[in-house]
Structures are given as C-alpha cells and as structure tokens.
Amino acid sequence: MAPTATEFQSILGNITQLQINAEFITGPDNTRLDDVILGAVPEPQTWLMLGLGLGLGVLVVAARKRAQLC
C-alpha cells in the first residue's frame, strides 16, 4: 500500500542527507540502489562569478600580449 501524501511529506521532511551510489559489474543484469545522498548544488550566482572571473582573466592576458607586440 502506497503512503499518503501526509505520510510521504512527514518522512521526506526529516531527511538531512540523500546520496546515490551505483555499481557497474559485467555479468547478469542486477540493479540496486542504496545510500542515497544529494550534495549541495552551486547557485547560479556562483557560476556567474566564476565565468566573469575567467573572462576577465582572458581579457587581461590578451591585453598583455597585445601590449608586448607594440
């Protein structure tokens, strides 16, 4: 019997860590899932700052090379 929405919500509301481990073994197809953990996902601002920093670094290197050629 499937849990009710309230039961499901109360169970998931107490989860503090979720991790997924998987194994690949050559041979017969056996599937199992255990120890499920989800880690922190970087926020979009983190990726934006990383991209801006890398882009600025590329511009600085290009400007230095151009200055050396002149």
PDB file of N, CA and C in Angstrom:
ATOM      1  N   MET A   1       0.847  -1.180   0.000  1.00  0.00           N
ATOM      2  CA  MET A   1       0.000   0.000   0.000  1.00  0.00           C
ATOM      3  C   MET A   1       0.891   1.241   0.000  1.00  0.00           C
ATOM      4  N   ALA A   2       0.634   2.163  -0.882  1.00  0.00           N
ATOM      5  CA  ALA A   2       1.427   3.380  -1.006  1.00  0.00           C
ATOM      6  C   ALA A   2       1.128   4.329   0.155  1.00  0.00           C
ATOM      7  N   PRO A   3       2.136   5.117   0.565  1.00  0.00           N
ATOM      8  CA  PRO A   3       1.903   6.073   1.653  1.00  0.00           C
ATOM      9  C   PRO A   3       1.010   7.224   1.188  1.00  0.00           C
ATOM     10  N   THR A   4       0.326   7.834   2.124  1.00  0.00           N
ATOM     11  CA  THR A   4      -0.493   9.007   1.809  1.00  0.00           C
ATOM     12  C   THR A   4       0.439  10.195   1.607  1.00  0.00           C
ATOM     13  N   ALA A   5      -0.096  11.267   1.064  1.00  0.00           N
ATOM     14  CA  ALA A   5       0.711  12.467   0.840  1.00  0.00           C
ATOM     15  C   ALA A   5       1.258  13.002   2.161  1.00  0.00           C
ATOM     16  N   THR A   6       0.473  12.945   3.208  1.00  0.00           N
ATOM     17  CA  THR A   6       0.905  13.426   4.523  1.00  0.00           C
ATOM     18  C   THR A   6       2.028  12.562   5.073  1.00  0.00           C
ATOM     19  N   GLU A   7       1.886  11.239   4.959  1.00  0.00           N
ATOM     20  CA  GLU A   7       2.933  10.328   5.424  1.00  0.00           C
ATOM     21  C   GLU A   7       4.226  10.535   4.632  1.00  0.00           C
ATOM     22  N   PHE A   8       4.074  10.665   3.335  1.00  0.00           N
ATOM     23  CA  PHE A   8       5.240  10.858   2.473  1.00  0.00           C
ATOM     24  C   PHE A   8       5.954  12.165   2.827  1.00  0.00           C
ATOM     25  N   GLN A   9       5.196  13.227   3.025  1.00  0.00           N
ATOM     26  CA  GLN A   9       5.757  14.528   3.365  1.00  0.00           C
ATOM     27  C   GLN A   9       6.449  14.495   4.728  1.00  0.00           C
ATOM     28  N   SER A  10       5.872  13.800   5.705  1.00  0.00           N
ATOM     29  CA  SER A  10       6.496  13.727   7.031  1.00  0.00           C
ATOM     30  C   SER A  10       7.795  12.937   6.984  1.00  0.00           C
ATOM     31  N   ILE A  11       7.854  11.911   6.153  1.00  0.00           N
ATOM     32  CA  ILE A  11       9.090  11.130   6.017  1.00  0.00           C
ATOM     33  C   ILE A  11      10.172  11.962   5.326  1.00  0.00           C
ATOM     34  N   LEU A  12       9.818  12.601   4.206  1.00  0.00           N
ATOM     35  CA  LEU A  12      10.803  13.391   3.466  1.00  0.00           C
ATOM     36  C   LEU A  12      11.202  14.664   4.209  1.00  0.00           C
ATOM     37  N   GLY A  13      10.342  15.161   5.080  1.00  0.00           N
ATOM     38  CA  GLY A  13      10.643  16.374   5.832  1.00  0.00           C
ATOM     39  C   GLY A  13      11.769  16.185   6.825  1.00  0.00           C
ATOM     40  N   ASN A  14      12.088  14.957   7.199  1.00  0.00           N
ATOM     41  CA  ASN A  14      13.145  14.691   8.177  1.00  0.00           C
ATOM     42  C   ASN A  14      14.460  14.253   7.541  1.00  0.00           C
ATOM     43  N   ILE A  15      14.528  14.225   6.225  1.00  0.00           N
ATOM     44  CA  ILE A  15      15.759  13.797   5.543  1.00  0.00           C
ATOM     45  C   ILE A  15      16.792  14.916   5.623  1.00  0.00           C
ATOM     46  N   THR A  16      17.992  14.577   6.060  1.00  0.00           N
ATOM     47  CA  THR A  16      19.076  15.553   6.125  1.00  0.00           C
ATOM     48  C   THR A  16      20.144  15.295   5.076  1.00  0.00           C
ATOM     49  N   GLN A  17      20.182  14.090   4.522  1.00  0.00           N
ATOM     50  CA  GLN A  17      21.203  13.771   3.527  1.00  0.00           C
ATOM     51  C   GLN A  17      20.657  12.693   2.599  1.00  0.00           C
ATOM     52  N   LEU A  18      20.948  12.845   1.296  1.00  0.00           N
ATOM     53  CA  LEU A  18      20.495  11.887   0.303  1.00  0.00           C
ATOM     54  C   LEU A  18      21.646  11.624  -0.653  1.00  0.00           C
ATOM     55  N   GLN A  19      22.063  10.375  -0.797  1.00  0.00           N
ATOM     56  CA  GLN A  19      23.201  10.013  -1.641  1.00  0.00           C
ATOM     57  C   GLN A  19      22.829   8.812  -2.493  1.00  0.00           C
ATOM     58  N   ILE A  20      23.276   8.819  -3.764  1.00  0.00           N
ATOM     59  CA  ILE A  20      23.013   7.706  -4.665  1.00  0.00           C
ATOM     60  C   ILE A  20      24.336   7.055  -5.027  1.00  0.00           C
ATOM     61  N   ASN A  21      24.485   5.789  -4.716  1.00  0.00           N
ATOM     62  CA  ASN A  21      25.659   5.005  -5.090  1.00  0.00           C
ATOM     63  C   ASN A  21      25.222   3.953  -6.091  1.00  0.00           C
ATOM     64  N   ALA A  22      26.024   3.758  -7.122  1.00  0.00           N
ATOM     65  CA  ALA A  22      25.699   2.744  -8.121  1.00  0.00           C
ATOM     66  C   ALA A  22      26.975   1.997  -8.478  1.00  0.00           C
ATOM     67  N   GLU A  23      26.831   0.755  -8.883  1.00  0.00           N
ATOM     68  CA  GLU A  23      27.961  -0.070  -9.277  1.00  0.00           C
ATOM     69  C   GLU A  23      27.683  -0.684 -10.636  1.00  0.00           C
ATOM     70  N   PHE A  24      28.734  -0.800 -11.447  1.00  0.00           N
ATOM     71  CA  PHE A  24      28.611  -1.477 -12.724  1.00  0.00           C
ATOM     72  C   PHE A  24      29.473  -2.716 -12.687  1.00  0.00           C
ATOM     73  N   ILE A  25      28.863  -3.859 -12.851  1.00  0.00           N
ATOM     74  CA  ILE A  25      29.577  -5.123 -12.843  1.00  0.00           C
ATOM     75  C   ILE A  25      29.178  -5.878 -14.095  1.00  0.00           C
ATOM     76  N   THR A  26      30.174  -6.353 -14.843  1.00  0.00           N
ATOM     77  CA  THR A  26      29.880  -7.142 -16.028  1.00  0.00           C
ATOM     78  C   THR A  26      29.285  -8.470 -15.614  1.00  0.00           C
ATOM     79  N   GLY A  27      28.228  -8.856 -16.266  1.00  0.00           N
ATOM     80  CA  GLY A  27      27.564 -10.107 -15.936  1.00  0.00           C
ATOM     81  C   GLY A  27      26.069  -9.940 -16.027  1.00  0.00           C
ATOM     82  N   PRO A  28      25.337 -10.737 -15.279  1.00  0.00           N
ATOM     83  CA  PRO A  28      23.874 -10.631 -15.338  1.00  0.00           C
ATOM     84  C   PRO A  28      23.406  -9.268 -14.840  1.00  0.00           C
ATOM     85  N   ASP A  29      22.298  -8.816 -15.392  1.00  0.00           N
ATOM     86  CA  ASP A  29      21.759  -7.511 -15.019  1.00  0.00           C
ATOM     87  C   ASP A  29      21.097  -7.573 -13.653  1.00  0.00           C
ATOM     88  N   ASN A  30      21.767  -7.013 -12.679  1.00  0.00           N
ATOM     89  CA  ASN A  30      21.217  -6.868 -11.332  1.00  0.00           C
ATOM     90  C   ASN A  30      21.257  -5.385 -10.997  1.00  0.00           C
ATOM     91  N   THR A  31      20.160  -4.855 -10.567  1.00  0.00           N
ATOM     92  CA  THR A  31      20.090  -3.434 -10.257  1.00  0.00           C
ATOM     93  C   THR A  31      19.759  -3.266  -8.792  1.00  0.00           C
ATOM     94  N   ARG A  32      20.478  -2.318  -8.157  1.00  0.00           N
ATOM     95  CA  ARG A  32      20.132  -1.991  -6.787  1.00  0.00           C
ATOM     96  C   ARG A  32      20.501  -0.542  -6.527  1.00  0.00           C
ATOM     97  N   LEU A  33      19.855   0.032  -5.579  1.00  0.00           N
ATOM     98  CA  LEU A  33      20.052   1.430  -5.220  1.00  0.00           C
ATOM     99  C   LEU A  33      20.110   1.498  -3.704  1.00  0.00           C
ATOM    100  N   ASP A  34      21.210   2.059  -3.188  1.00  0.00           N
ATOM    101  CA  ASP A  34      21.314   2.203  -1.741  1.00  0.00           C
ATOM    102  C   ASP A  34      22.108   3.454  -1.391  1.00  0.00           C
ATOM    103  N   ASP A  35      22.034   3.859  -0.146  1.00  0.00           N
ATOM    104  CA  ASP A  35      22.762   5.021   0.355  1.00  0.00           C
ATOM    105  C   ASP A  35      22.585   6.239  -0.551  1.00  0.00           C
ATOM    106  N   VAL A  36      21.423   6.770  -0.615  1.00  0.00           N
ATOM    107  CA  VAL A  36      21.107   7.894  -1.489  1.00  0.00           C
ATOM    108  C   VAL A  36      21.422   9.208  -0.772  1.00  0.00           C
ATOM    109  N   ILE A  37      22.334  10.048  -1.366  1.00  0.00           N
ATOM    110  CA  ILE A  37      22.723  11.352  -0.793  1.00  0.00           C
ATOM    111  C   ILE A  37      22.782  12.398  -1.911  1.00  0.00           C
ATOM    112  N   LEU A  38      22.172  13.541  -1.717  1.00  0.00           N
ATOM    113  CA  LEU A  38      22.291  14.660  -2.646  1.00  0.00           C
ATOM    114  C   LEU A  38      23.168  15.719  -1.989  1.00  0.00           C
ATOM    115  N   GLY A  39      24.187  16.181  -2.709  1.00  0.00           N
ATOM    116  CA  GLY A  39      25.071  17.211  -2.174  1.00  0.00           C
ATOM    117  C   GLY A  39      24.561  18.601  -2.535  1.00  0.00           C
ATOM    118  N   ALA A  40      25.253  19.589  -2.031  1.00  0.00           N
ATOM    119  CA  ALA A  40      24.883  20.971  -2.311  1.00  0.00           C
ATOM    120  C   ALA A  40      25.172  21.292  -3.770  1.00  0.00           C
ATOM    121  N   VAL A  41      24.260  22.001  -4.406  1.00  0.00           N
ATOM    122  CA  VAL A  41      24.408  22.421  -5.799  1.00  0.00           C
ATOM    123  C   VAL A  41      24.740  23.905  -5.797  1.00  0.00           C
ATOM    124  N   PRO A  42      25.817  24.309  -6.503  1.00  0.00           N
ATOM    125  CA  PRO A  42      26.156  25.731  -6.519  1.00  0.00           C
ATOM    126  C   PRO A  42      25.015  26.571  -7.087  1.00  0.00           C
ATOM    127  N   GLU A  43      24.839  27.743  -6.530  1.00  0.00           N
ATOM    128  CA  GLU A  43      23.800  28.645  -7.009  1.00  0.00           C
ATOM    129  C   GLU A  43      24.242  29.282  -8.321  1.00  0.00           C
ATOM    130  N   PRO A  44      23.304  29.752  -9.132  1.00  0.00           N
ATOM    131  CA  PRO A  44      23.670  30.367 -10.413  1.00  0.00           C
ATOM    132  C   PRO A  44      24.635  31.540 -10.255  1.00  0.00           C
ATOM    133  N   GLN A  45      24.537  32.280  -9.137  1.00  0.00           N
ATOM    134  CA  GLN A  45      25.444  33.406  -8.931  1.00  0.00           C
ATOM    135  C   GLN A  45      26.894  32.927  -8.832  1.00  0.00           C
ATOM    136  N   THR A  46      27.102  31.757  -8.254  1.00  0.00           N
ATOM    137  CA  THR A  46      28.452  31.208  -8.131  1.00  0.00           C
ATOM    138  C   THR A  46      29.028  30.954  -9.513  1.00  0.00           C
ATOM    139  N   TRP A  47      28.237  30.343 -10.382  1.00  0.00           N
ATOM    140  CA  TRP A  47      28.699  30.070 -11.750  1.00  0.00           C
ATOM    141  C   TRP A  47      28.927  31.372 -12.515  1.00  0.00           C
ATOM    142  N   LEU A  48      28.072  32.363 -12.300  1.00  0.00           N
ATOM    143  CA  LEU A  48      28.233  33.654 -12.965  1.00  0.00           C
ATOM    144  C   LEU A  48      29.540  34.316 -12.543  1.00  0.00           C
ATOM    145  N   MET A  49      29.835  34.323 -11.244  1.00  0.00           N
ATOM    146  CA  MET A  49      31.077  34.929 -10.757  1.00  0.00           C
ATOM    147  C   MET A  49      32.299  34.192 -11.301  1.00  0.00           C
ATOM    148  N   LEU A  50      32.227  32.860 -11.359  1.00  0.00           N
ATOM    149  CA  LEU A  50      33.324  32.084 -11.921  1.00  0.00           C
ATOM    150  C   LEU A  50      33.532  32.442 -13.389  1.00  0.00           C
ATOM    151  N   GLY A  51      32.445  32.514 -14.141  1.00  0.00           N
ATOM    152  CA  GLY A  51      32.534  32.856 -15.566  1.00  0.00           C
ATOM    153  C   GLY A  51      33.092  34.254 -15.786  1.00  0.00           C
ATOM    154  N   LEU A  52      32.634  35.208 -14.980  1.00  0.00           N
ATOM    155  CA  LEU A  52      33.146  36.577 -15.106  1.00  0.00           C
ATOM    156  C   LEU A  52      34.627  36.650 -14.757  1.00  0.00           C
ATOM    157  N   GLY A  53      35.037  35.928 -13.732  1.00  0.00           N
ATOM    158  CA  GLY A  53      36.450  35.918 -13.351  1.00  0.00           C
ATOM    159  C   GLY A  53      37.320  35.316 -14.433  1.00  0.00           C
ATOM    160  N   LEU A  54      36.878  34.205 -15.011  1.00  0.00           N
ATOM    161  CA  LEU A  54      37.644  33.582 -16.091  1.00  0.00           C
ATOM    162  C   LEU A  54      37.692  34.478 -17.325  1.00  0.00           C
ATOM    163  N   GLY A  55      36.553  35.106 -17.652  1.00  0.00           N
ATOM    164  CA  GLY A  55      36.510  36.016 -18.805  1.00  0.00           C
ATOM    165  C   GLY A  55      37.434  37.209 -18.609  1.00  0.00           C
ATOM    166  N   LEU A  56      37.448  37.751 -17.406  1.00  0.00           N
ATOM    167  CA  LEU A  56      38.333  38.877 -17.107  1.00  0.00           C
ATOM    168  C   LEU A  56      39.790  38.446 -17.213  1.00  0.00           C
ATOM    169  N   GLY A  57      40.097  37.253 -16.749  1.00  0.00           N
ATOM    170  CA  GLY A  57      41.466  36.734 -16.854  1.00  0.00           C
ATOM    171  C   GLY A  57      41.902  36.606 -18.302  1.00  0.00           C
ATOM    172  N   VAL A  58      41.023  36.140 -19.159  1.00  0.00           N
ATOM    173  CA  VAL A  58      41.343  36.014 -20.582  1.00  0.00           C
ATOM    174  C   VAL A  58      41.595  37.397 -21.182  1.00  0.00           C
ATOM    175  N   LEU A  59      40.778  38.377 -20.825  1.00  0.00           N
ATOM    176  CA  LEU A  59      40.972  39.735 -21.342  1.00  0.00           C
ATOM    177  C   LEU A  59      42.295  40.337 -20.883  1.00  0.00           C
ATOM    178  N   VAL A  60      42.674  40.099 -19.639  1.00  0.00           N
ATOM    179  CA  VAL A  60      43.941  40.621 -19.119  1.00  0.00           C
ATOM    180  C   VAL A  60      45.116  39.994 -19.872  1.00  0.00           C
ATOM    181  N   VAL A  61      45.079  38.687 -20.071  1.00  0.00           N
ATOM    182  CA  VAL A  61      46.157  38.017 -20.799  1.00  0.00           C
ATOM    183  C   VAL A  61      46.242  38.542 -22.229  1.00  0.00           C
ATOM    184  N   ALA A  62      45.104  38.719 -22.904  1.00  0.00           N
ATOM    185  CA  ALA A  62      45.096  39.229 -24.277  1.00  0.00           C
ATOM    186  C   ALA A  62      45.651  40.646 -24.324  1.00  0.00           C
ATOM    187  N   ALA A  63      45.293  41.490 -23.354  1.00  0.00           N
ATOM    188  CA  ALA A  63      45.784  42.871 -23.332  1.00  0.00           C
ATOM    189  C   ALA A  63      47.290  42.897 -23.109  1.00  0.00           C
ATOM    190  N   ARG A  64      47.811  42.032 -22.244  1.00  0.00           N
ATOM    191  CA  ARG A  64      49.266  41.995 -22.009  1.00  0.00           C
ATOM    192  C   ARG A  64      50.017  41.547 -23.252  1.00  0.00           C
ATOM    193  N   LYS A  65      49.472  40.557 -23.943  1.00  0.00           N
ATOM    194  CA  LYS A  65      50.128  40.088 -25.168  1.00  0.00           C
ATOM    195  C   LYS A  65      50.114  41.162 -26.233  1.00  0.00           C
ATOM    196  N   ARG A  66      49.003  41.887 -26.327  1.00  0.00           N
ATOM    197  CA  ARG A  66      48.906  42.960 -27.321  1.00  0.00           C
ATOM    198  C   ARG A  66      49.896  44.069 -26.975  1.00  0.00           C
ATOM    199  N   ALA A  67      50.057  44.380 -25.687  1.00  0.00           N
ATOM    200  CA  ALA A  67      50.982  45.442 -25.268  1.00  0.00           C
ATOM    201  C   ALA A  67      52.424  45.031 -25.555  1.00  0.00           C
ATOM    202  N   GLN A  68      52.755  43.765 -25.443  1.00  0.00           N
ATOM    203  CA  GLN A  68      54.110  43.299 -25.713  1.00  0.00           C
ATOM    204  C   GLN A  68      54.420  43.358 -27.204  1.00  0.00           C
ATOM    205  N   LEU A  69      53.424  43.226 -28.065  1.00  0.00           N
ATOM    206  CA  LEU A  69      53.642  43.245 -29.507  1.00  0.00           C
ATOM    207  C   LEU A  69      53.886  44.652 -30.025  1.00  0.00           C
ATOM    208  N   CYS A  70      53.374  45.661 -29.342  1.00  0.00           N
ATOM    209  CA  CYS A  70      53.515  47.047 -29.795  1.00  0.00           C
ATOM    210  C   CYS A  70      54.838  47.651 -29.456  1.00  0.00           C
TER     211      CYS A  70
END
